[in-house]
């Protein structure tokens, strides 16, 4: 089993316009009755660290986190590794040709799989400057974001030509950093395909031969949620 989840802490990477993860110690130590007791509270935005984007995030009337079918969260997985092509191109877009290149080696992308994209950008996590392109915070920092993502044309191809259950990658967004319209989000989510972002340790997965279990916090009405995602290599 491979844990594909970054731990949540003060170092967790969040979108520049949201607050980060905060853990508050409520109790820690021996009680008056002699036993040890620890309890904390935490505060976090939906979208940060390893998390799921529910379709409603960019598609009105589509599934919230608690309504995502389990079949989209637990399924066979495949890995498309474009890290060799990304190299120093912070704004790389995974294209249809990349997906077709995988198919030439491994066959047609099967129906119902969870498609994971390895760009190699995960090696920079949690260094915000390298991973996001900026350490800035607030709305003005969004224009300085630079990291790879999925081309809208490739998202459209996946929706119209293939039948994947979900998609994930090792960057902060399924759309690349400079995106202003988040078209890949819109296309995928309109088709009820959820996205997993900030996925860890994709370098430990083979192209095929594994299953994914990706269970988010079940937030009623949520547009996203922290995610615990693991791969079981068969």
Foldseek 3Di string as FASTA:
>chain_A
DFWFFDDADPLWDFDQAFDGKDKAWPDAAADPVGDTDTDIDMDHDQQTGWKKFFLCLQEPPFDAQLPQDQLLQKWFEFEQEPQVVCPPQQAAADEPVSVVVLCVVVNDDAASYEYEYENVLLVCPPVCCSQQVDPHHDPVCLQRGTHYAHDLNNLQCCLPPGHYSEYEYQHSANHGSNDDPNNSSNSCSNSRHMYTYNTHDPVPDHRGQKIKHKRFDNDVVHSMGRIGMDIGGD
